[in-house]
Amino acid sequence: MIFKFVLLLVVVIGFIFVGKQEKITKEVLIDSGHFGTKYNFDTALKIVRDRKSSKEDKSEAYYELGSICERYADKLHRENQDRAKIEKYYDIAFKSYLNSAELENFKAYSNLAKMYHYGKGTKKDIQKASLYYEKACRAYSSNPFLIADCYEWGKIKGFHNPMTFLKEKCTNKDAEACFMIGALQQTYSLDNKNSSYYWIPYKELGLDVMSQENALFYFKKACKLGDQKSCDEKKSLRENLKSKKP
């Protein structure tokens, strides 16, 4: 009952907020262009306003509205445009991400963390930034930006090492965490500089010893815990290692 009330409140606030957003649609799209987001601005607005839209669609639409406005504000900032205008779009982005996060979109957790961390669209608040970095980090099973989020959370909390979090989960028989460690071992042992993780020094991730063998170890562990993709990776990696032996 409480959840339904909160969801209804989010939707009502969303309608009021979206009314203001509609006025800026043309300005944003014409001046900044389309940034490759999943929904364009108009489509996202329609999804948010439609009472029949699913929770998932609404959360994604709010996220896209926030993404477009944040990027537009970033563009204005780079061009040294009017400060009030920049703040207006950061404010819209922040509120959009907040609506998305309240609808449990893990991508919005990461963006909200950064908004709080750097004071974009809201007052700088390291404690709240840490909270949302942690939420994003704990969404590791489906978060493609896992390492960046965990790394930022780690910097704030002082351990500087997202692997601390993953290893703890893996030790407690969390298959997804074991898989992620294996994937990171594999990524860094291949020295893949095109990896989205590569910008963070590997030692700061807790990957002091990297090897395909270590990756195989964690894939095996995750496979035993019932993770099918780990079983597939284990088989593929084992065959690859055998082919490289003299």
Protein backbone atom coordinates (compact mmCIF):
# COMPACT_ATOMS: atom_id res chain seq x y z
CA MET A 1 0.00 0.00 0.00
CA ILE A 2 2.82 2.37 0.93
CA PHE A 3 4.65 1.53 -2.31
CA LYS A 4 1.53 2.30 -4.38
CA PHE A 5 1.14 5.64 -2.59
CA VAL A 6 4.78 6.56 -3.21
CA LEU A 7 4.50 5.51 -6.87
CA LEU A 8 1.33 7.61 -7.28
CA LEU A 9 3.07 10.58 -5.65
CA VAL A 10 6.02 10.24 -8.04
CA VAL A 11 3.66 10.17 -11.02
CA VAL A 12 1.69 13.24 -9.82
CA ILE A 13 4.88 15.20 -9.22
CA GLY A 14 6.08 13.98 -12.58
CA PHE A 15 3.06 15.45 -14.36
CA ILE A 16 3.68 18.87 -12.80
CA PHE A 17 7.37 18.69 -13.56
CA VAL A 18 6.87 17.45 -17.12
CA GLY A 19 4.63 20.40 -17.89
CA LYS A 20 7.63 22.66 -17.31
CA GLN A 21 9.85 20.36 -19.35
CA GLU A 22 7.63 20.58 -22.42
CA LYS A 23 8.38 24.29 -22.73
CA ILE A 24 12.09 23.62 -23.22
CA THR A 25 11.81 20.67 -25.60
CA LYS A 26 12.42 22.57 -28.84
CA GLU A 27 15.16 24.73 -27.37
CA VAL A 28 17.14 21.73 -26.16
CA LEU A 29 16.74 19.60 -29.28
CA ILE A 30 17.43 22.40 -31.75
CA ASP A 31 20.38 23.90 -29.90
CA SER A 32 22.09 20.78 -28.58
CA GLY A 33 21.07 18.17 -31.10
CA HIS A 34 20.15 14.59 -30.28
CA PHE A 35 22.74 12.84 -28.14
CA GLY A 36 22.01 9.26 -29.12
CA THR A 37 19.72 8.56 -26.18
CA LYS A 38 17.24 5.69 -26.37
CA TYR A 39 14.21 7.99 -26.44
CA ASN A 40 14.14 11.43 -27.91
CA PHE A 41 12.83 14.19 -25.71
CA ASP A 42 9.27 14.25 -27.07
CA THR A 43 8.85 10.49 -26.87
CA ALA A 44 10.16 10.39 -23.31
CA LEU A 45 7.69 13.09 -22.28
CA LYS A 46 4.79 11.11 -23.75
CA ILE A 47 5.86 7.99 -21.88
CA VAL A 48 6.09 9.84 -18.57
CA ARG A 49 2.66 11.45 -19.03
CA ASP A 50 0.89 8.26 -20.11
CA ARG A 51 -0.72 6.61 -17.08
CA LYS A 52 -0.65 3.29 -18.90
CA SER A 53 3.13 3.34 -19.29
CA SER A 54 4.92 0.65 -17.31
CA LYS A 55 7.14 1.44 -14.36
CA GLU A 56 10.17 0.32 -16.39
CA ASP A 57 9.31 2.57 -19.34
CA LYS A 58 8.71 5.56 -17.08
CA SER A 59 11.97 5.05 -15.22
CA GLU A 60 13.88 4.86 -18.50
CA ALA A 61 12.07 7.90 -19.91
CA TYR A 62 12.90 10.00 -16.85
CA TYR A 63 16.50 8.85 -17.13
CA GLU A 64 16.67 9.91 -20.78
CA LEU A 65 15.15 13.32 -20.01
CA GLY A 66 17.80 13.81 -17.37
CA SER A 67 20.56 12.67 -19.69
CA ILE A 68 19.58 15.08 -22.46
CA CYS A 69 19.28 18.04 -20.09
CA GLU A 70 22.53 17.28 -18.30
CA ARG A 71 24.46 17.03 -21.55
CA TYR A 72 22.88 20.23 -22.77
CA ALA A 73 23.88 21.99 -19.54
CA ASP A 74 27.41 20.61 -19.92
CA LYS A 75 27.50 22.05 -23.43
CA LEU A 76 26.36 25.47 -22.18
CA HIS A 77 28.97 25.34 -19.45
CA ARG A 78 31.77 24.59 -21.93
CA GLU A 79 30.63 27.57 -24.00
CA ASN A 80 30.56 29.86 -20.94
CA GLN A 81 26.86 30.59 -21.42
CA ASP A 82 24.55 32.30 -18.93
CA ARG A 83 24.94 30.71 -15.49
CA ALA A 84 21.23 30.85 -14.67
CA LYS A 85 20.42 28.93 -17.85
CA ILE A 86 23.05 26.31 -17.06
CA GLU A 87 21.68 25.83 -13.55
CA LYS A 88 18.13 25.54 -14.91
CA TYR A 89 19.02 22.54 -17.05
CA TYR A 90 21.13 20.90 -14.36
CA ASP A 91 18.15 21.29 -12.03
CA ILE A 92 15.84 19.59 -14.55
CA ALA A 93 18.39 16.81 -15.05
CA PHE A 94 18.72 16.25 -11.31
CA LYS A 95 14.95 16.05 -10.77
CA SER A 96 14.56 13.70 -13.73
CA TYR A 97 17.24 11.37 -12.36
CA LEU A 98 15.58 11.52 -8.95
CA ASN A 99 12.24 10.44 -10.44
CA SER A 100 14.00 7.65 -12.32
CA ALA A 101 15.82 6.47 -9.19
CA GLU A 102 12.56 6.41 -7.23
CA LEU A 103 11.32 4.02 -9.91
CA GLU A 104 14.40 1.84 -9.23
CA ASN A 105 16.46 2.57 -12.34
CA PHE A 106 20.03 1.66 -11.31
CA LYS A 107 21.50 3.88 -14.06
CA ALA A 108 19.95 6.88 -12.34
CA TYR A 109 21.72 5.94 -9.09
CA SER A 110 25.06 6.54 -10.77
CA ASN A 111 24.02 9.86 -12.29
CA LEU A 112 22.48 11.09 -9.05
CA ALA A 113 25.68 10.20 -7.23
CA LYS A 114 27.67 12.36 -9.62
CA MET A 115 25.18 15.24 -9.36
CA TYR A 116 25.51 15.20 -5.57
CA HIS A 117 29.27 14.65 -5.75
CA TYR A 118 29.94 17.66 -7.95
CA GLY A 119 26.99 19.85 -6.94
CA LYS A 120 25.25 19.81 -10.33
CA GLY A 121 21.57 20.77 -10.09
CA THR A 122 21.66 20.41 -6.33
CA LYS A 123 23.77 21.31 -3.31
CA LYS A 124 27.01 19.33 -3.10
CA ASP A 125 26.48 16.48 -0.64
CA ILE A 126 29.22 13.85 -0.33
CA GLN A 127 27.15 11.72 2.04
CA LYS A 128 24.29 11.42 -0.45
CA ALA A 129 26.79 10.91 -3.28
CA SER A 130 28.26 7.99 -1.35
CA LEU A 131 24.78 6.54 -0.81
CA TYR A 132 23.96 6.54 -4.52
CA TYR A 133 27.42 5.32 -5.58
CA GLU A 134 26.86 2.41 -3.21
CA LYS A 135 23.41 1.72 -4.70
CA ALA A 136 24.93 1.73 -8.20
CA CYS A 137 27.82 -0.45 -7.08
CA ARG A 138 25.47 -2.99 -5.52
CA ALA A 139 23.54 -3.19 -8.79
CA TYR A 140 26.60 -4.98 -10.19
CA SER A 141 24.60 -7.83 -11.72
CA SER A 142 23.34 -5.53 -14.48
CA ASN A 143 25.53 -2.44 -14.21
CA PRO A 144 27.95 -1.98 -17.14
CA PHE A 145 29.60 0.90 -15.27
CA LEU A 146 30.21 -1.24 -12.19
CA ILE A 147 33.89 -0.52 -11.76
CA ALA A 148 33.62 3.24 -12.25
CA ASP A 149 30.76 3.42 -9.73
CA CYS A 150 32.44 1.16 -7.18
CA TYR A 151 35.70 3.01 -7.64
CA GLU A 152 34.08 6.38 -6.90
CA TRP A 153 32.26 4.90 -3.92
CA GLY A 154 35.55 3.44 -2.70
CA LYS A 155 37.32 6.79 -2.99
CA ILE A 156 34.65 8.44 -0.84
CA LYS A 157 34.59 5.63 1.73
CA GLY A 158 38.37 5.38 1.83
CA PHE A 159 39.08 1.81 0.68
CA HIS A 160 39.90 2.77 -2.93
CA ASN A 161 39.23 -0.77 -4.00
CA PRO A 162 35.95 -2.02 -5.49
CA MET A 163 37.36 -5.54 -5.46
CA THR A 164 36.96 -5.49 -1.67
CA PHE A 165 33.23 -5.35 -2.20
CA LEU A 166 33.14 -8.03 -4.92
CA LYS A 167 35.44 -10.46 -3.11
CA GLU A 168 33.30 -10.23 0.00
CA LYS A 169 30.20 -11.04 -2.04
CA CYS A 170 31.97 -13.88 -3.86
CA THR A 171 33.17 -15.39 -0.57
CA ASN A 172 29.54 -15.38 0.54
CA LYS A 173 28.69 -17.49 -2.52
CA ASP A 174 27.36 -14.73 -4.73
CA ALA A 175 27.81 -16.15 -8.24
CA GLU A 176 27.46 -12.82 -10.04
CA ALA A 177 30.23 -11.26 -7.96
CA CYS A 178 32.53 -14.22 -8.70
CA PHE A 179 31.78 -13.84 -12.39
CA MET A 180 32.60 -10.12 -12.31
CA ILE A 181 35.99 -10.79 -10.69
CA GLY A 182 36.73 -13.37 -13.37
CA ALA A 183 35.70 -10.97 -16.11
CA LEU A 184 37.94 -8.24 -14.72
CA GLN A 185 40.88 -10.62 -14.37
CA GLN A 186 40.35 -11.63 -17.99
CA THR A 187 40.02 -8.04 -19.21
CA TYR A 188 43.18 -6.80 -17.55
CA SER A 189 45.29 -9.86 -18.26
CA LEU A 190 44.52 -9.31 -21.94
CA ASP A 191 45.69 -5.70 -21.50
CA ASN A 192 42.65 -4.54 -23.42
CA LYS A 193 43.12 -0.79 -23.64
CA ASN A 194 39.79 -0.42 -25.38
CA SER A 195 38.06 -1.64 -22.25
CA SER A 196 35.73 0.81 -20.53
CA TYR A 197 37.53 -0.10 -17.29
CA TYR A 198 41.03 0.68 -18.52
CA TRP A 199 41.18 4.31 -17.41
CA ILE A 200 41.37 3.19 -13.77
CA PRO A 201 44.84 1.85 -12.79
CA TYR A 202 44.43 -1.88 -12.23
CA LYS A 203 46.21 -1.84 -8.86
CA GLU A 204 43.55 0.52 -7.55
CA LEU A 205 40.96 -2.11 -8.43
CA GLY A 206 42.67 -4.70 -6.24
CA LEU A 207 43.90 -6.69 -9.26
CA ASP A 208 47.55 -6.91 -8.23
CA VAL A 209 47.92 -10.38 -9.73
CA MET A 210 46.23 -10.72 -13.09
CA SER A 211 46.11 -13.80 -15.24
CA GLN A 212 43.85 -15.88 -17.42
CA GLU A 213 44.30 -18.67 -14.87
CA ASN A 214 42.88 -16.46 -12.12
CA ALA A 215 39.97 -15.57 -14.39
CA LEU A 216 39.35 -19.29 -14.95
CA PHE A 217 39.38 -19.88 -11.18
CA TYR A 218 36.59 -17.37 -10.59
CA PHE A 219 34.58 -18.53 -13.60
CA LYS A 220 34.74 -22.08 -12.20
CA LYS A 221 33.60 -20.85 -8.81
CA ALA A 222 30.66 -18.93 -10.28
CA CYS A 223 29.77 -21.89 -12.50
CA LYS A 224 29.59 -24.19 -9.47
CA LEU A 225 27.22 -21.67 -7.91
CA GLY A 226 24.91 -22.06 -10.89
CA ASP A 227 25.84 -19.12 -13.13
CA GLN A 228 25.47 -20.38 -16.71
CA LYS A 229 27.38 -17.58 -18.42
CA SER A 230 30.33 -18.37 -16.14
CA CYS A 231 30.16 -21.98 -17.26
CA ASP A 232 30.29 -20.81 -20.87
CA GLU A 233 33.22 -18.50 -20.15
CA LYS A 234 35.01 -21.27 -18.28
CA LYS A 235 34.71 -23.64 -21.22
CA SER A 236 35.80 -21.02 -23.76
CA LEU A 237 38.75 -19.82 -21.68
CA ARG A 238 39.92 -23.34 -20.89
CA GLU A 239 39.97 -24.20 -24.60
CA ASN A 240 41.82 -20.97 -25.35
CA LEU A 241 44.47 -21.70 -22.73
CA LYS A 242 44.96 -25.23 -24.06
CA SER A 243 45.47 -23.95 -27.60
CA LYS A 244 48.26 -21.65 -26.41
CA LYS A 245 50.25 -24.38 -24.71
CA PRO A 246 53.36 -25.51 -26.66
